[in-house]
């Protein structure tokens, strides 16, 4: 049995979860999210917990068991606490600012990069070189942070670029200069 799949998902106070045929919906202080579940699993709610069970014991059902439990857990966590990802910008003259629904990045190119924020994702800027991407949907937050990082990935020689705050850049030596 899946170690992750058999764990119950605890529903905190202030969050309501609705189960229907193949769809789980969660509503909480951060918003409302819903998710389609794989057809090989079933979901039940008991005493403030949500349990995910697989319908059969074949390989594909076992593979979907842990996935379905994690999707439900991400829904509940997203509408109650939310998710965030911290990003740092390193480099001389590299900055970020907001203009309306856009985040404007100056990353050493001949033009600024305008990034339109997806629905349900917000950016909080700390100074000119630190920002936090946050929202209720873990997938939307992660893909937005990855898209921002892809504008100028960190390079290994000087460490310039856009990186996650917890990311460690392995630095390389420059030219050795030996003959």
C-alpha atoms as a PDB file:
ATOM      1  CA  UNK A   1       0.000   0.000   0.000  1.00  0.00           C
ATOM      2  CA  UNK A   2       1.216   3.485  -0.769  1.00  0.00           C
ATOM      3  CA  UNK A   3       2.807   5.126   2.249  1.00  0.00           C
ATOM      4  CA  UNK A   4       1.596   8.550   1.181  1.00  0.00           C
ATOM      5  CA  UNK A   5      -1.776   7.380  -0.144  1.00  0.00           C
ATOM      6  CA  UNK A   6      -2.886   5.736   3.085  1.00  0.00           C
ATOM      7  CA  UNK A   7      -2.325   8.862   5.203  1.00  0.00           C
ATOM      8  CA  UNK A   8      -5.497  10.833   5.964  1.00  0.00           C
ATOM      9  CA  UNK A   9      -5.750  14.472   4.877  1.00  0.00           C
ATOM     10  CA  UNK A  10      -6.682  16.571   7.906  1.00  0.00           C
ATOM     11  CA  UNK A  11      -9.185  19.328   7.107  1.00  0.00           C
ATOM     12  CA  UNK A  12      -8.495  22.422   9.274  1.00  0.00           C
ATOM     13  CA  UNK A  13     -11.201  24.648  10.757  1.00  0.00           C
ATOM     14  CA  UNK A  14     -12.660  27.134   8.290  1.00  0.00           C
ATOM     15  CA  UNK A  15     -12.208  24.828   5.280  1.00  0.00           C
ATOM     16  CA  UNK A  16     -15.107  22.956   3.706  1.00  0.00           C
ATOM     17  CA  UNK A  17     -14.525  20.093   1.305  1.00  0.00           C
ATOM     18  CA  UNK A  18     -17.162  18.815  -1.113  1.00  0.00           C
ATOM     19  CA  UNK A  19     -16.847  15.426  -2.761  1.00  0.00           C
ATOM     20  CA  UNK A  20     -18.666  14.540  -5.950  1.00  0.00           C
ATOM     21  CA  UNK A  21     -18.101  11.942  -8.657  1.00  0.00           C
ATOM     22  CA  UNK A  22     -14.406  12.275  -9.535  1.00  0.00           C
ATOM     23  CA  UNK A  23     -14.126  15.911  -8.378  1.00  0.00           C
ATOM     24  CA  UNK A  24     -12.956  17.333  -5.049  1.00  0.00           C
ATOM     25  CA  UNK A  25     -13.698  20.986  -4.210  1.00  0.00           C
ATOM     26  CA  UNK A  26     -12.260  22.907  -1.274  1.00  0.00           C
ATOM     27  CA  UNK A  27     -13.337  26.320   0.002  1.00  0.00           C
ATOM     28  CA  UNK A  28     -11.452  28.328   2.586  1.00  0.00           C
ATOM     29  CA  UNK A  29     -10.161  31.769   3.510  1.00  0.00           C
ATOM     30  CA  UNK A  30      -7.713  31.901   0.561  1.00  0.00           C
ATOM     31  CA  UNK A  31     -10.324  31.014  -2.069  1.00  0.00           C
ATOM     32  CA  UNK A  32     -11.923  28.055  -3.786  1.00  0.00           C
ATOM     33  CA  UNK A  33     -10.136  25.274  -5.659  1.00  0.00           C
ATOM     34  CA  UNK A  34     -11.272  22.073  -7.308  1.00  0.00           C
ATOM     35  CA  UNK A  35      -9.460  19.097  -8.766  1.00  0.00           C
ATOM     36  CA  UNK A  36     -10.374  16.158 -10.998  1.00  0.00           C
ATOM     37  CA  UNK A  37      -9.243  12.861  -9.531  1.00  0.00           C
ATOM     38  CA  UNK A  38      -8.099   9.785 -11.461  1.00  0.00           C
ATOM     39  CA  UNK A  39     -10.927   7.277 -11.998  1.00  0.00           C
ATOM     40  CA  UNK A  40      -8.971   4.493 -10.255  1.00  0.00           C
ATOM     41  CA  UNK A  41      -9.347   5.984  -6.764  1.00  0.00           C
ATOM     42  CA  UNK A  42     -12.260   6.894  -4.505  1.00  0.00           C
ATOM     43  CA  UNK A  43     -12.423   9.572  -1.821  1.00  0.00           C
ATOM     44  CA  UNK A  44     -14.395   9.489   1.441  1.00  0.00           C
ATOM     45  CA  UNK A  45     -14.762  11.993   4.259  1.00  0.00           C
ATOM     46  CA  UNK A  46     -14.813  10.860   7.889  1.00  0.00           C
ATOM     47  CA  UNK A  47     -14.661  12.976  11.092  1.00  0.00           C
ATOM     48  CA  UNK A  48     -12.764  15.938   9.638  1.00  0.00           C
ATOM     49  CA  UNK A  49     -10.405  13.753   7.623  1.00  0.00           C
ATOM     50  CA  UNK A  50     -10.368  12.813   3.960  1.00  0.00           C
ATOM     51  CA  UNK A  51      -9.331   9.291   3.017  1.00  0.00           C
ATOM     52  CA  UNK A  52      -8.221   8.212  -0.450  1.00  0.00           C
ATOM     53  CA  UNK A  53      -8.677   4.550  -1.380  1.00  0.00           C
ATOM     54  CA  UNK A  54      -7.858   2.748  -4.585  1.00  0.00           C
ATOM     55  CA  UNK A  55     -10.541   0.715  -6.323  1.00  0.00           C
ATOM     56  CA  UNK A  56      -8.322  -2.184  -7.394  1.00  0.00           C
ATOM     57  CA  UNK A  57      -4.819  -3.468  -6.763  1.00  0.00           C
ATOM     58  CA  UNK A  58      -3.372  -3.281 -10.278  1.00  0.00           C
ATOM     59  CA  UNK A  59      -0.261  -1.258 -11.158  1.00  0.00           C
ATOM     60  CA  UNK A  60      -2.001   1.844 -12.528  1.00  0.00           C
ATOM     61  CA  UNK A  61      -4.320   2.115  -9.502  1.00  0.00           C
ATOM     62  CA  UNK A  62      -1.356   1.858  -7.133  1.00  0.00           C
ATOM     63  CA  UNK A  63       0.430   4.580  -9.103  1.00  0.00           C
ATOM     64  CA  UNK A  64      -2.556   6.940  -8.821  1.00  0.00           C
ATOM     65  CA  UNK A  65      -3.127   6.338  -5.086  1.00  0.00           C
ATOM     66  CA  UNK A  66      -0.365   8.601  -3.748  1.00  0.00           C
ATOM     67  CA  UNK A  67      -0.923  11.154  -6.512  1.00  0.00           C
ATOM     68  CA  UNK A  68      -4.615  11.547  -5.681  1.00  0.00           C
ATOM     69  CA  UNK A  69      -3.890  11.942  -1.964  1.00  0.00           C
ATOM     70  CA  UNK A  70      -1.261  14.608  -2.679  1.00  0.00           C
ATOM     71  CA  UNK A  71      -3.620  16.509  -4.982  1.00  0.00           C
ATOM     72  CA  UNK A  72      -6.308  16.575  -2.281  1.00  0.00           C
ATOM     73  CA  UNK A  73      -3.746  17.624   0.341  1.00  0.00           C
ATOM     74  CA  UNK A  74      -2.543  20.475  -1.892  1.00  0.00           C
ATOM     75  CA  UNK A  75      -6.143  21.674  -2.326  1.00  0.00           C
ATOM     76  CA  UNK A  76      -6.752  21.778   1.420  1.00  0.00           C
ATOM     77  CA  UNK A  77      -3.394  23.412   2.191  1.00  0.00           C
ATOM     78  CA  UNK A  78      -3.825  25.953  -0.619  1.00  0.00           C
ATOM     79  CA  UNK A  79      -7.219  27.241   0.495  1.00  0.00           C
ATOM     80  CA  UNK A  80      -6.201  27.360   4.157  1.00  0.00           C
ATOM     81  CA  UNK A  81      -2.566  28.589   4.196  1.00  0.00           C
ATOM     82  CA  UNK A  82      -1.564  29.067   0.559  1.00  0.00           C
ATOM     83  CA  UNK A  83       1.782  28.496  -1.128  1.00  0.00           C
ATOM     84  CA  UNK A  84       4.667  30.849  -1.812  1.00  0.00           C
ATOM     85  CA  UNK A  85       8.016  30.829  -3.554  1.00  0.00           C
ATOM     86  CA  UNK A  86      10.784  33.381  -2.856  1.00  0.00           C
ATOM     87  CA  UNK A  87      12.929  34.606  -5.755  1.00  0.00           C
ATOM     88  CA  UNK A  88      16.114  36.693  -5.763  1.00  0.00           C
ATOM     89  CA  UNK A  89      17.579  38.730  -8.613  1.00  0.00           C
ATOM     90  CA  UNK A  90      21.372  39.095  -8.694  1.00  0.00           C
ATOM     91  CA  UNK A  91      23.196  41.405 -11.070  1.00  0.00           C
ATOM     92  CA  UNK A  92      24.139  45.048 -11.524  1.00  0.00           C
ATOM     93  CA  UNK A  93      21.081  46.975 -12.669  1.00  0.00           C
ATOM     94  CA  UNK A  94      18.730  43.959 -12.543  1.00  0.00           C
ATOM     95  CA  UNK A  95      15.420  45.104 -11.032  1.00  0.00           C
ATOM     96  CA  UNK A  96      11.738  44.241 -10.822  1.00  0.00           C
ATOM     97  CA  UNK A  97       8.686  46.457 -10.317  1.00  0.00           C
ATOM     98  CA  UNK A  98       4.929  46.178 -10.741  1.00  0.00           C
ATOM     99  CA  UNK A  99       2.777  48.158 -13.143  1.00  0.00           C
ATOM    100  CA  UNK A 100      -0.881  47.273 -12.814  1.00  0.00           C
ATOM    101  CA  UNK A 101      -1.317  43.558 -13.444  1.00  0.00           C
ATOM    102  CA  UNK A 102       2.198  43.225 -14.892  1.00  0.00           C
ATOM    103  CA  UNK A 103       5.568  42.598 -13.295  1.00  0.00           C
ATOM    104  CA  UNK A 104       8.290  44.445 -15.205  1.00  0.00           C
ATOM    105  CA  UNK A 105      11.780  42.914 -15.156  1.00  0.00           C
ATOM    106  CA  UNK A 106      14.962  44.737 -16.220  1.00  0.00           C
ATOM    107  CA  UNK A 107      17.491  41.936 -16.588  1.00  0.00           C
ATOM    108  CA  UNK A 108      20.217  43.351 -18.771  1.00  0.00           C
ATOM    109  CA  UNK A 109      18.460  42.881 -22.083  1.00  0.00           C
ATOM    110  CA  UNK A 110      17.817  45.755 -24.493  1.00  0.00           C
ATOM    111  CA  UNK A 111      14.169  45.730 -23.446  1.00  0.00           C
ATOM    112  CA  UNK A 112      12.174  45.253 -20.253  1.00  0.00           C
ATOM    113  CA  UNK A 113      10.248  42.010 -19.827  1.00  0.00           C
ATOM    114  CA  UNK A 114       6.542  42.396 -19.016  1.00  0.00           C
ATOM    115  CA  UNK A 115       5.069  39.360 -17.266  1.00  0.00           C
ATOM    116  CA  UNK A 116       1.305  39.209 -16.838  1.00  0.00           C
ATOM    117  CA  UNK A 117       0.356  37.491 -13.617  1.00  0.00           C
ATOM    118  CA  UNK A 118      -1.981  34.513 -13.951  1.00  0.00           C
ATOM    119  CA  UNK A 119      -5.332  34.478 -12.180  1.00  0.00           C
ATOM    120  CA  UNK A 120      -4.979  33.732  -8.461  1.00  0.00           C
ATOM    121  CA  UNK A 121      -1.217  34.447  -8.305  1.00  0.00           C
ATOM    122  CA  UNK A 122       0.207  37.580  -6.730  1.00  0.00           C
ATOM    123  CA  UNK A 123       3.711  38.984  -6.443  1.00  0.00           C
ATOM    124  CA  UNK A 124       5.038  40.891  -3.445  1.00  0.00           C
ATOM    125  CA  UNK A 125       8.237  42.849  -4.082  1.00  0.00           C
ATOM    126  CA  UNK A 126      10.805  43.406  -1.322  1.00  0.00           C
ATOM    127  CA  UNK A 127      13.151  46.162  -2.447  1.00  0.00           C
ATOM    128  CA  UNK A 128      14.114  45.955  -6.103  1.00  0.00           C
ATOM    129  CA  UNK A 129      15.718  42.511  -6.182  1.00  0.00           C
ATOM    130  CA  UNK A 130      13.585  40.225  -4.016  1.00  0.00           C
ATOM    131  CA  UNK A 131      10.080  39.030  -4.721  1.00  0.00           C
ATOM    132  CA  UNK A 132       7.664  36.431  -3.440  1.00  0.00           C
ATOM    133  CA  UNK A 133       5.216  34.624  -5.697  1.00  0.00           C
ATOM    134  CA  UNK A 134       2.190  33.440  -3.705  1.00  0.00           C
ATOM    135  CA  UNK A 135      -1.278  32.024  -4.207  1.00  0.00           C
ATOM    136  CA  UNK A 136      -3.640  29.211  -3.325  1.00  0.00           C
ATOM    137  CA  UNK A 137      -2.895  26.922  -6.297  1.00  0.00           C
ATOM    138  CA  UNK A 138       0.461  25.175  -5.854  1.00  0.00           C
ATOM    139  CA  UNK A 139       0.777  24.373  -9.547  1.00  0.00           C
ATOM    140  CA  UNK A 140       0.123  27.971 -10.643  1.00  0.00           C
ATOM    141  CA  UNK A 141       2.602  29.366  -8.092  1.00  0.00           C
ATOM    142  CA  UNK A 142       5.298  26.906  -9.119  1.00  0.00           C
ATOM    143  CA  UNK A 143       4.857  27.440 -12.849  1.00  0.00           C
ATOM    144  CA  UNK A 144       4.837  31.242 -12.422  1.00  0.00           C
ATOM    145  CA  UNK A 145       8.047  31.113 -10.385  1.00  0.00           C
ATOM    146  CA  UNK A 146       9.664  28.833 -12.977  1.00  0.00           C
ATOM    147  CA  UNK A 147       8.619  31.172 -15.797  1.00  0.00           C
ATOM    148  CA  UNK A 148      10.117  34.165 -13.971  1.00  0.00           C
ATOM    149  CA  UNK A 149      13.340  32.228 -13.354  1.00  0.00           C
ATOM    150  CA  UNK A 150      13.539  31.327 -17.062  1.00  0.00           C
ATOM    151  CA  UNK A 151      13.814  35.015 -18.048  1.00  0.00           C
ATOM    152  CA  UNK A 152      17.480  35.010 -16.962  1.00  0.00           C
ATOM    153  CA  UNK A 153      18.603  31.735 -15.309  1.00  0.00           C
ATOM    154  CA  UNK A 154      21.571  32.060 -12.947  1.00  0.00           C
ATOM    155  CA  UNK A 155      24.943  31.571 -14.596  1.00  0.00           C
ATOM    156  CA  UNK A 156      27.751  29.696 -12.811  1.00  0.00           C
ATOM    157  CA  UNK A 157      30.651  32.159 -13.288  1.00  0.00           C
ATOM    158  CA  UNK A 158      29.463  35.383 -11.643  1.00  0.00           C
ATOM    159  CA  UNK A 159      26.155  34.125 -10.179  1.00  0.00           C
ATOM    160  CA  UNK A 160      24.102  36.721 -12.064  1.00  0.00           C
ATOM    161  CA  UNK A 161      20.496  36.021 -12.937  1.00  0.00           C
ATOM    162  CA  UNK A 162      17.156  35.103 -11.374  1.00  0.00           C
ATOM    163  CA  UNK A 163      17.212  32.292  -8.825  1.00  0.00           C
ATOM    164  CA  UNK A 164      15.041  30.803  -6.117  1.00  0.00           C
ATOM    165  CA  UNK A 165      15.963  32.033  -2.632  1.00  0.00           C
ATOM    166  CA  UNK A 166      16.762  28.515  -1.413  1.00  0.00           C
ATOM    167  CA  UNK A 167      18.653  27.543  -4.573  1.00  0.00           C
ATOM    168  CA  UNK A 168      22.410  27.011  -4.360  1.00  0.00           C
ATOM    169  CA  UNK A 169      24.393  27.967  -7.445  1.00  0.00           C
ATOM    170  CA  UNK A 170      27.559  25.923  -7.928  1.00  0.00           C
ATOM    171  CA  UNK A 171      30.185  28.398  -8.982  1.00  0.00           C
ATOM    172  CA  UNK A 172      32.871  27.647 -11.569  1.00  0.00           C
ATOM    173  CA  UNK A 173      36.338  29.100 -11.926  1.00  0.00           C
ATOM    174  CA  UNK A 174      37.002  31.330 -14.892  1.00  0.00           C
ATOM    175  CA  UNK A 175      39.884  30.842 -17.284  1.00  0.00           C
ATOM    176  CA  UNK A 176      42.866  29.198 -15.683  1.00  0.00           C
ATOM    177  CA  UNK A 177      45.345  31.323 -17.626  1.00  0.00           C
ATOM    178  CA  UNK A 178      47.995  28.570 -17.628  1.00  0.00           C
ATOM    179  CA  UNK A 179      50.116  27.720 -20.659  1.00  0.00           C
END
